């Protein structure tokens, strides 16, 4: 038995609609459906990106604590998207800063020799990264 590929990623957010709009505007995702549980306990917005084969699900829980993401707690540390070149990484940095997204400077990756990274956060403080190998 083998795993075929990654099918989807699910991120818990405080406001699924606001986060979906952010992922659309900042990173070029498009909506691919939504779901609301019959009891109203959770709402999901699904997103796709034309170059990424993975579906992104943004889940808002009615009983959520309203806290922002903290990568120092068990669970997700960060989510990284691959870009093809350092020049593309620079173009992404310009796009993100123009959209009002605070970004790190482009830096050498600590764990991957020769790779360059750009780090930023979504509206719920989830750490995101763009990496050029």
C-alpha atoms as a PDB file:
ATOM      1  CA  UNK A   1       0.000   0.000   0.000  1.00  0.00           C
ATOM      2  CA  UNK A   2       1.191   3.525  -0.765  1.00  0.00           C
ATOM      3  CA  UNK A   3      -0.177   7.014  -0.380  1.00  0.00           C
ATOM      4  CA  UNK A   4      -1.049   8.526  -3.756  1.00  0.00           C
ATOM      5  CA  UNK A   5      -0.836  12.251  -3.014  1.00  0.00           C
ATOM      6  CA  UNK A   6      -2.036  14.915  -0.614  1.00  0.00           C
ATOM      7  CA  UNK A   7      -5.772  15.458  -1.166  1.00  0.00           C
ATOM      8  CA  UNK A   8      -6.622  18.531   0.933  1.00  0.00           C
ATOM      9  CA  UNK A   9      -5.549  20.716   3.813  1.00  0.00           C
ATOM     10  CA  UNK A  10      -7.999  21.906   6.432  1.00  0.00           C
ATOM     11  CA  UNK A  11      -7.258  25.047   8.422  1.00  0.00           C
ATOM     12  CA  UNK A  12      -9.345  26.265  11.345  1.00  0.00           C
ATOM     13  CA  UNK A  13     -10.087  29.983  11.053  1.00  0.00           C
ATOM     14  CA  UNK A  14     -12.149  32.489  13.009  1.00  0.00           C
ATOM     15  CA  UNK A  15     -14.087  33.784   9.971  1.00  0.00           C
ATOM     16  CA  UNK A  16     -14.273  31.462   6.940  1.00  0.00           C
ATOM     17  CA  UNK A  17     -15.613  34.142   4.574  1.00  0.00           C
ATOM     18  CA  UNK A  18     -12.984  36.735   5.517  1.00  0.00           C
ATOM     19  CA  UNK A  19     -10.188  34.178   5.311  1.00  0.00           C
ATOM     20  CA  UNK A  20     -11.418  32.917   1.936  1.00  0.00           C
ATOM     21  CA  UNK A  21     -11.389  36.464   0.583  1.00  0.00           C
ATOM     22  CA  UNK A  22      -7.848  36.924   1.915  1.00  0.00           C
ATOM     23  CA  UNK A  23      -6.576  33.698   0.278  1.00  0.00           C
ATOM     24  CA  UNK A  24      -8.261  34.724  -2.984  1.00  0.00           C
ATOM     25  CA  UNK A  25      -6.837  38.258  -2.991  1.00  0.00           C
ATOM     26  CA  UNK A  26      -3.385  37.563  -1.553  1.00  0.00           C
ATOM     27  CA  UNK A  27      -2.537  34.197  -3.107  1.00  0.00           C
ATOM     28  CA  UNK A  28      -4.856  33.783  -6.099  1.00  0.00           C
ATOM     29  CA  UNK A  29      -7.010  30.912  -4.817  1.00  0.00           C
ATOM     30  CA  UNK A  30     -10.581  30.561  -6.099  1.00  0.00           C
ATOM     31  CA  UNK A  31     -13.668  29.285  -4.299  1.00  0.00           C
ATOM     32  CA  UNK A  32     -14.586  25.682  -4.905  1.00  0.00           C
ATOM     33  CA  UNK A  33     -17.646  25.251  -2.724  1.00  0.00           C
ATOM     34  CA  UNK A  34     -18.848  25.626   0.828  1.00  0.00           C
ATOM     35  CA  UNK A  35     -20.598  23.668   3.530  1.00  0.00           C
ATOM     36  CA  UNK A  36     -22.529  24.473   6.688  1.00  0.00           C
ATOM     37  CA  UNK A  37     -23.382  21.738   9.165  1.00  0.00           C
ATOM     38  CA  UNK A  38     -27.120  21.294   9.772  1.00  0.00           C
ATOM     39  CA  UNK A  39     -26.720  22.359  13.403  1.00  0.00           C
ATOM     40  CA  UNK A  40     -24.674  25.456  12.483  1.00  0.00           C
ATOM     41  CA  UNK A  41     -21.687  24.223  14.478  1.00  0.00           C
ATOM     42  CA  UNK A  42     -19.261  24.698  11.604  1.00  0.00           C
ATOM     43  CA  UNK A  43     -18.952  26.414   8.272  1.00  0.00           C
ATOM     44  CA  UNK A  44     -16.397  25.571   5.608  1.00  0.00           C
ATOM     45  CA  UNK A  45     -15.238  27.354   2.489  1.00  0.00           C
ATOM     46  CA  UNK A  46     -13.228  25.301   0.007  1.00  0.00           C
ATOM     47  CA  UNK A  47     -10.577  26.834  -2.224  1.00  0.00           C
ATOM     48  CA  UNK A  48      -8.439  25.682  -5.146  1.00  0.00           C
ATOM     49  CA  UNK A  49      -5.490  27.202  -6.952  1.00  0.00           C
ATOM     50  CA  UNK A  50      -4.979  26.587 -10.666  1.00  0.00           C
ATOM     51  CA  UNK A  51      -1.384  25.346 -10.183  1.00  0.00           C
ATOM     52  CA  UNK A  52      -1.741  23.462  -6.903  1.00  0.00           C
ATOM     53  CA  UNK A  53      -3.480  20.087  -6.903  1.00  0.00           C
ATOM     54  CA  UNK A  54      -4.450  20.360  -3.250  1.00  0.00           C
ATOM     55  CA  UNK A  55      -7.812  21.644  -2.052  1.00  0.00           C
ATOM     56  CA  UNK A  56      -7.708  24.084   0.873  1.00  0.00           C
ATOM     57  CA  UNK A  57     -10.586  23.969   3.348  1.00  0.00           C
ATOM     58  CA  UNK A  58     -11.152  26.868   5.734  1.00  0.00           C
ATOM     59  CA  UNK A  59     -13.254  25.736   8.695  1.00  0.00           C
ATOM     60  CA  UNK A  60     -14.987  28.079  11.126  1.00  0.00           C
ATOM     61  CA  UNK A  61     -16.242  26.427  14.316  1.00  0.00           C
ATOM     62  CA  UNK A  62     -19.122  28.137  16.144  1.00  0.00           C
ATOM     63  CA  UNK A  63     -17.689  26.935  19.446  1.00  0.00           C
ATOM     64  CA  UNK A  64     -14.199  28.159  18.545  1.00  0.00           C
ATOM     65  CA  UNK A  65     -12.175  29.890  21.198  1.00  0.00           C
ATOM     66  CA  UNK A  66     -11.547  32.896  18.946  1.00  0.00           C
ATOM     67  CA  UNK A  67      -7.827  32.640  19.558  1.00  0.00           C
ATOM     68  CA  UNK A  68      -5.269  33.288  16.869  1.00  0.00           C
ATOM     69  CA  UNK A  69      -2.936  30.612  15.592  1.00  0.00           C
ATOM     70  CA  UNK A  70       0.274  29.869  17.503  1.00  0.00           C
ATOM     71  CA  UNK A  71       2.794  27.550  15.852  1.00  0.00           C
ATOM     72  CA  UNK A  72       4.457  26.858  19.207  1.00  0.00           C
ATOM     73  CA  UNK A  73       1.481  24.697  20.264  1.00  0.00           C
ATOM     74  CA  UNK A  74       1.113  21.118  18.978  1.00  0.00           C
ATOM     75  CA  UNK A  75      -0.412  20.974  15.522  1.00  0.00           C
ATOM     76  CA  UNK A  76       0.494  22.857  12.369  1.00  0.00           C
ATOM     77  CA  UNK A  77       3.792  24.757  12.364  1.00  0.00           C
ATOM     78  CA  UNK A  78       3.439  26.410   8.958  1.00  0.00           C
ATOM     79  CA  UNK A  79       2.236  25.837   5.414  1.00  0.00           C
ATOM     80  CA  UNK A  80       4.713  26.283   2.562  1.00  0.00           C
ATOM     81  CA  UNK A  81       3.992  26.860  -1.136  1.00  0.00           C
ATOM     82  CA  UNK A  82       6.660  26.230  -3.790  1.00  0.00           C
ATOM     83  CA  UNK A  83       7.434  28.900  -6.389  1.00  0.00           C
ATOM     84  CA  UNK A  84       9.710  28.237  -9.356  1.00  0.00           C
ATOM     85  CA  UNK A  85      12.370  30.957  -9.097  1.00  0.00           C
ATOM     86  CA  UNK A  86      13.831  33.560  -6.772  1.00  0.00           C
ATOM     87  CA  UNK A  87      12.575  36.208  -9.200  1.00  0.00           C
ATOM     88  CA  UNK A  88       9.052  34.853  -8.782  1.00  0.00           C
ATOM     89  CA  UNK A  89       9.546  34.963  -5.015  1.00  0.00           C
ATOM     90  CA  UNK A  90      10.448  38.656  -5.327  1.00  0.00           C
ATOM     91  CA  UNK A  91       7.343  39.271  -7.448  1.00  0.00           C
ATOM     92  CA  UNK A  92       5.208  37.546  -4.808  1.00  0.00           C
ATOM     93  CA  UNK A  93       6.737  39.741  -2.098  1.00  0.00           C
ATOM     94  CA  UNK A  94       5.744  42.832  -4.112  1.00  0.00           C
ATOM     95  CA  UNK A  95       2.221  41.485  -4.650  1.00  0.00           C
ATOM     96  CA  UNK A  96       1.740  40.644  -0.979  1.00  0.00           C
ATOM     97  CA  UNK A  97       3.093  43.931   0.363  1.00  0.00           C
ATOM     98  CA  UNK A  98       0.920  45.814  -2.159  1.00  0.00           C
ATOM     99  CA  UNK A  99      -2.062  43.906  -0.713  1.00  0.00           C
ATOM    100  CA  UNK A 100      -1.104  45.065   2.787  1.00  0.00           C
ATOM    101  CA  UNK A 101       0.359  41.725   3.911  1.00  0.00           C
ATOM    102  CA  UNK A 102       3.365  42.066   6.229  1.00  0.00           C
ATOM    103  CA  UNK A 103       6.217  39.875   4.971  1.00  0.00           C
ATOM    104  CA  UNK A 104       9.673  38.911   6.109  1.00  0.00           C
ATOM    105  CA  UNK A 105      12.618  39.792   3.940  1.00  0.00           C
ATOM    106  CA  UNK A 106      13.474  37.030   1.461  1.00  0.00           C
ATOM    107  CA  UNK A 107      16.047  34.910   3.258  1.00  0.00           C
ATOM    108  CA  UNK A 108      18.129  31.771   2.964  1.00  0.00           C
ATOM    109  CA  UNK A 109      16.213  28.727   4.231  1.00  0.00           C
ATOM    110  CA  UNK A 110      17.693  27.311   7.427  1.00  0.00           C
ATOM    111  CA  UNK A 111      17.104  23.646   6.611  1.00  0.00           C
ATOM    112  CA  UNK A 112      17.292  23.422   2.801  1.00  0.00           C
ATOM    113  CA  UNK A 113      20.647  24.433   1.262  1.00  0.00           C
ATOM    114  CA  UNK A 114      20.240  26.973  -1.545  1.00  0.00           C
ATOM    115  CA  UNK A 115      16.534  27.570  -0.937  1.00  0.00           C
ATOM    116  CA  UNK A 116      15.132  31.072  -0.395  1.00  0.00           C
ATOM    117  CA  UNK A 117      11.988  31.757   1.633  1.00  0.00           C
ATOM    118  CA  UNK A 118       9.435  34.476   2.218  1.00  0.00           C
ATOM    119  CA  UNK A 119       7.366  34.223   5.412  1.00  0.00           C
ATOM    120  CA  UNK A 120       4.016  35.931   6.101  1.00  0.00           C
ATOM    121  CA  UNK A 121       0.772  35.274   7.997  1.00  0.00           C
ATOM    122  CA  UNK A 122      -2.907  34.986   7.139  1.00  0.00           C
ATOM    123  CA  UNK A 123      -5.672  36.858   9.043  1.00  0.00           C
ATOM    124  CA  UNK A 124      -5.670  34.189  11.800  1.00  0.00           C
ATOM    125  CA  UNK A 125      -1.890  34.422  12.230  1.00  0.00           C
ATOM    126  CA  UNK A 126      -1.267  31.081  10.470  1.00  0.00           C
ATOM    127  CA  UNK A 127       2.329  31.169   9.313  1.00  0.00           C
ATOM    128  CA  UNK A 128       2.644  30.769   5.548  1.00  0.00           C
ATOM    129  CA  UNK A 129       5.778  30.527   3.474  1.00  0.00           C
ATOM    130  CA  UNK A 130       6.734  30.760  -0.157  1.00  0.00           C
ATOM    131  CA  UNK A 131       9.913  28.853  -1.047  1.00  0.00           C
ATOM    132  CA  UNK A 132      12.109  28.844  -4.141  1.00  0.00           C
ATOM    133  CA  UNK A 133      14.508  25.901  -4.430  1.00  0.00           C
END
